[in-house]
């Protein structure tokens, strides 16, 4: 959570927007305990201004259950807006992620 701005907006695929660090932490927490997570990204475009920048990337996200089971892989793309902090570091301020796969359907 150290890389996330104090005023974030996260727009995950097929889910409501999350607009605070606590909500993002609660959303992400269930993935860390039972799964091994891996993400590979390929930056497509990076631009940096004085106080804002963005990163457009393609990614592959892999989730493997620690207790065994099928590994799930998702491919997609994202845009991250980063904001320079007063101490000169950059933090994620806005994020949009989209899977290349269609959403799962319910019977």
C-alpha atoms as a PDB file:
ATOM      1  CA  UNK A   1       0.000   0.000   0.000  1.00  0.00           C
ATOM      2  CA  UNK A   2       3.025   2.296   0.252  1.00  0.00           C
ATOM      3  CA  UNK A   3       2.924   2.993  -3.490  1.00  0.00           C
ATOM      4  CA  UNK A   4      -0.714   4.202  -3.406  1.00  0.00           C
ATOM      5  CA  UNK A   5      -1.557   7.904  -3.097  1.00  0.00           C
ATOM      6  CA  UNK A   6      -3.570   9.191  -0.123  1.00  0.00           C
ATOM      7  CA  UNK A   7      -6.455  10.073  -2.471  1.00  0.00           C
ATOM      8  CA  UNK A   8      -6.665   7.110  -4.887  1.00  0.00           C
ATOM      9  CA  UNK A   9      -9.315   6.003  -7.360  1.00  0.00           C
ATOM     10  CA  UNK A  10      -9.071   2.400  -8.543  1.00  0.00           C
ATOM     11  CA  UNK A  11     -11.335   1.206 -11.379  1.00  0.00           C
ATOM     12  CA  UNK A  12     -11.047  -2.605 -11.524  1.00  0.00           C
ATOM     13  CA  UNK A  13     -12.829  -4.593 -14.228  1.00  0.00           C
ATOM     14  CA  UNK A  14     -16.409  -5.646 -13.476  1.00  0.00           C
ATOM     15  CA  UNK A  15     -16.412  -4.012 -10.022  1.00  0.00           C
ATOM     16  CA  UNK A  16     -17.335  -0.661  -8.495  1.00  0.00           C
ATOM     17  CA  UNK A  17     -14.757   2.099  -8.138  1.00  0.00           C
ATOM     18  CA  UNK A  18     -12.712   2.179  -4.942  1.00  0.00           C
ATOM     19  CA  UNK A  19     -11.872   5.620  -3.646  1.00  0.00           C
ATOM     20  CA  UNK A  20      -9.850   5.168  -0.489  1.00  0.00           C
ATOM     21  CA  UNK A  21      -6.815   3.208   0.651  1.00  0.00           C
ATOM     22  CA  UNK A  22      -8.777   1.208   3.231  1.00  0.00           C
ATOM     23  CA  UNK A  23     -11.229  -0.060   0.593  1.00  0.00           C
ATOM     24  CA  UNK A  24      -8.364  -1.016  -1.722  1.00  0.00           C
ATOM     25  CA  UNK A  25      -6.589  -2.888   1.088  1.00  0.00           C
ATOM     26  CA  UNK A  26      -9.783  -4.775   1.997  1.00  0.00           C
ATOM     27  CA  UNK A  27     -10.400  -5.633  -1.669  1.00  0.00           C
ATOM     28  CA  UNK A  28      -6.853  -6.935  -2.221  1.00  0.00           C
ATOM     29  CA  UNK A  29      -6.290  -8.738   1.114  1.00  0.00           C
ATOM     30  CA  UNK A  30      -8.132 -11.999   0.286  1.00  0.00           C
ATOM     31  CA  UNK A  31      -5.754 -12.647  -2.625  1.00  0.00           C
ATOM     32  CA  UNK A  32      -2.518 -12.553  -0.647  1.00  0.00           C
ATOM     33  CA  UNK A  33      -3.051 -15.280   1.961  1.00  0.00           C
ATOM     34  CA  UNK A  34      -4.304 -18.282  -0.084  1.00  0.00           C
ATOM     35  CA  UNK A  35      -2.625 -17.517  -3.423  1.00  0.00           C
ATOM     36  CA  UNK A  36       0.748 -17.006  -5.017  1.00  0.00           C
ATOM     37  CA  UNK A  37       0.394 -13.996  -7.305  1.00  0.00           C
ATOM     38  CA  UNK A  38       2.532 -13.056 -10.248  1.00  0.00           C
ATOM     39  CA  UNK A  39       2.219 -10.156 -12.664  1.00  0.00           C
ATOM     40  CA  UNK A  40       4.280  -9.397 -15.735  1.00  0.00           C
ATOM     41  CA  UNK A  41       3.836  -5.992 -17.335  1.00  0.00           C
ATOM     42  CA  UNK A  42       5.066  -4.501 -20.560  1.00  0.00           C
ATOM     43  CA  UNK A  43       5.002  -0.728 -20.616  1.00  0.00           C
ATOM     44  CA  UNK A  44       3.527   0.571 -23.867  1.00  0.00           C
ATOM     45  CA  UNK A  45       3.773   4.276 -23.130  1.00  0.00           C
ATOM     46  CA  UNK A  46       5.165   6.309 -20.229  1.00  0.00           C
ATOM     47  CA  UNK A  47       4.847  10.096 -19.929  1.00  0.00           C
ATOM     48  CA  UNK A  48       5.987  12.252 -17.041  1.00  0.00           C
ATOM     49  CA  UNK A  49       5.057  15.858 -16.317  1.00  0.00           C
ATOM     50  CA  UNK A  50       5.950  18.101 -13.417  1.00  0.00           C
ATOM     51  CA  UNK A  51       3.493  16.629 -10.883  1.00  0.00           C
ATOM     52  CA  UNK A  52       1.596  13.989 -12.880  1.00  0.00           C
ATOM     53  CA  UNK A  53       2.525  11.131 -15.145  1.00  0.00           C
ATOM     54  CA  UNK A  54       0.950   8.063 -16.650  1.00  0.00           C
ATOM     55  CA  UNK A  55       1.889   4.532 -17.567  1.00  0.00           C
ATOM     56  CA  UNK A  56      -0.037   2.553 -20.172  1.00  0.00           C
ATOM     57  CA  UNK A  57       0.832  -1.152 -20.074  1.00  0.00           C
ATOM     58  CA  UNK A  58      -0.172  -4.654 -21.040  1.00  0.00           C
ATOM     59  CA  UNK A  59      -0.102  -7.267 -18.298  1.00  0.00           C
ATOM     60  CA  UNK A  60      -0.460 -10.961 -17.539  1.00  0.00           C
ATOM     61  CA  UNK A  61      -1.664 -11.796 -14.047  1.00  0.00           C
ATOM     62  CA  UNK A  62      -1.308 -15.343 -12.691  1.00  0.00           C
ATOM     63  CA  UNK A  63      -3.015 -16.653  -9.553  1.00  0.00           C
ATOM     64  CA  UNK A  64      -1.979 -20.056  -8.146  1.00  0.00           C
ATOM     65  CA  UNK A  65      -3.683 -21.542  -5.055  1.00  0.00           C
ATOM     66  CA  UNK A  66      -1.057 -22.283  -2.368  1.00  0.00           C
ATOM     67  CA  UNK A  67      -2.953 -25.409  -1.308  1.00  0.00           C
ATOM     68  CA  UNK A  68      -2.939 -26.771  -4.852  1.00  0.00           C
ATOM     69  CA  UNK A  69      -5.420 -26.423  -7.643  1.00  0.00           C
ATOM     70  CA  UNK A  70      -5.687 -24.834 -11.019  1.00  0.00           C
ATOM     71  CA  UNK A  71      -3.633 -21.758 -11.882  1.00  0.00           C
ATOM     72  CA  UNK A  72      -5.686 -18.952 -13.420  1.00  0.00           C
ATOM     73  CA  UNK A  73      -4.159 -16.473 -15.857  1.00  0.00           C
ATOM     74  CA  UNK A  74      -5.638 -13.191 -17.054  1.00  0.00           C
ATOM     75  CA  UNK A  75      -4.296 -10.868 -19.731  1.00  0.00           C
ATOM     76  CA  UNK A  76      -5.203  -7.224 -20.052  1.00  0.00           C
ATOM     77  CA  UNK A  77      -4.195  -3.606 -20.189  1.00  0.00           C
ATOM     78  CA  UNK A  78      -4.062  -0.712 -17.748  1.00  0.00           C
ATOM     79  CA  UNK A  79      -3.496   2.983 -17.381  1.00  0.00           C
ATOM     80  CA  UNK A  80      -1.970   4.240 -14.171  1.00  0.00           C
ATOM     81  CA  UNK A  81      -1.866   7.922 -13.317  1.00  0.00           C
ATOM     82  CA  UNK A  82       0.880   8.712 -10.853  1.00  0.00           C
ATOM     83  CA  UNK A  83       1.280  11.856  -8.790  1.00  0.00           C
ATOM     84  CA  UNK A  84       4.486  13.348  -7.422  1.00  0.00           C
ATOM     85  CA  UNK A  85       4.408  13.656  -3.651  1.00  0.00           C
ATOM     86  CA  UNK A  86       5.855  16.534  -1.643  1.00  0.00           C
ATOM     87  CA  UNK A  87       8.923  14.425  -0.858  1.00  0.00           C
ATOM     88  CA  UNK A  88       9.549  13.858  -4.604  1.00  0.00           C
ATOM     89  CA  UNK A  89       8.386  10.235  -4.706  1.00  0.00           C
ATOM     90  CA  UNK A  90       5.686   9.057  -7.112  1.00  0.00           C
ATOM     91  CA  UNK A  91       2.546   7.232  -5.999  1.00  0.00           C
ATOM     92  CA  UNK A  92      -0.331   5.617  -7.841  1.00  0.00           C
ATOM     93  CA  UNK A  93      -3.275   8.017  -7.827  1.00  0.00           C
ATOM     94  CA  UNK A  94      -5.685   6.631 -10.454  1.00  0.00           C
ATOM     95  CA  UNK A  95      -5.776   3.175 -12.020  1.00  0.00           C
ATOM     96  CA  UNK A  96      -7.880   1.577 -14.731  1.00  0.00           C
ATOM     97  CA  UNK A  97      -7.498  -2.156 -15.452  1.00  0.00           C
ATOM     98  CA  UNK A  98      -9.307  -4.101 -18.140  1.00  0.00           C
ATOM     99  CA  UNK A  99      -9.133  -7.793 -18.892  1.00  0.00           C
ATOM    100  CA  UNK A 100      -8.816  -8.931 -22.488  1.00  0.00           C
ATOM    101  CA  UNK A 101     -11.233 -11.773 -21.655  1.00  0.00           C
ATOM    102  CA  UNK A 102     -15.013 -11.312 -21.533  1.00  0.00           C
ATOM    103  CA  UNK A 103     -16.593 -11.255 -18.063  1.00  0.00           C
ATOM    104  CA  UNK A 104     -17.738 -14.572 -16.657  1.00  0.00           C
ATOM    105  CA  UNK A 105     -21.418 -15.240 -17.173  1.00  0.00           C
ATOM    106  CA  UNK A 106     -23.830 -16.755 -14.670  1.00  0.00           C
ATOM    107  CA  UNK A 107     -26.196 -19.609 -15.635  1.00  0.00           C
END
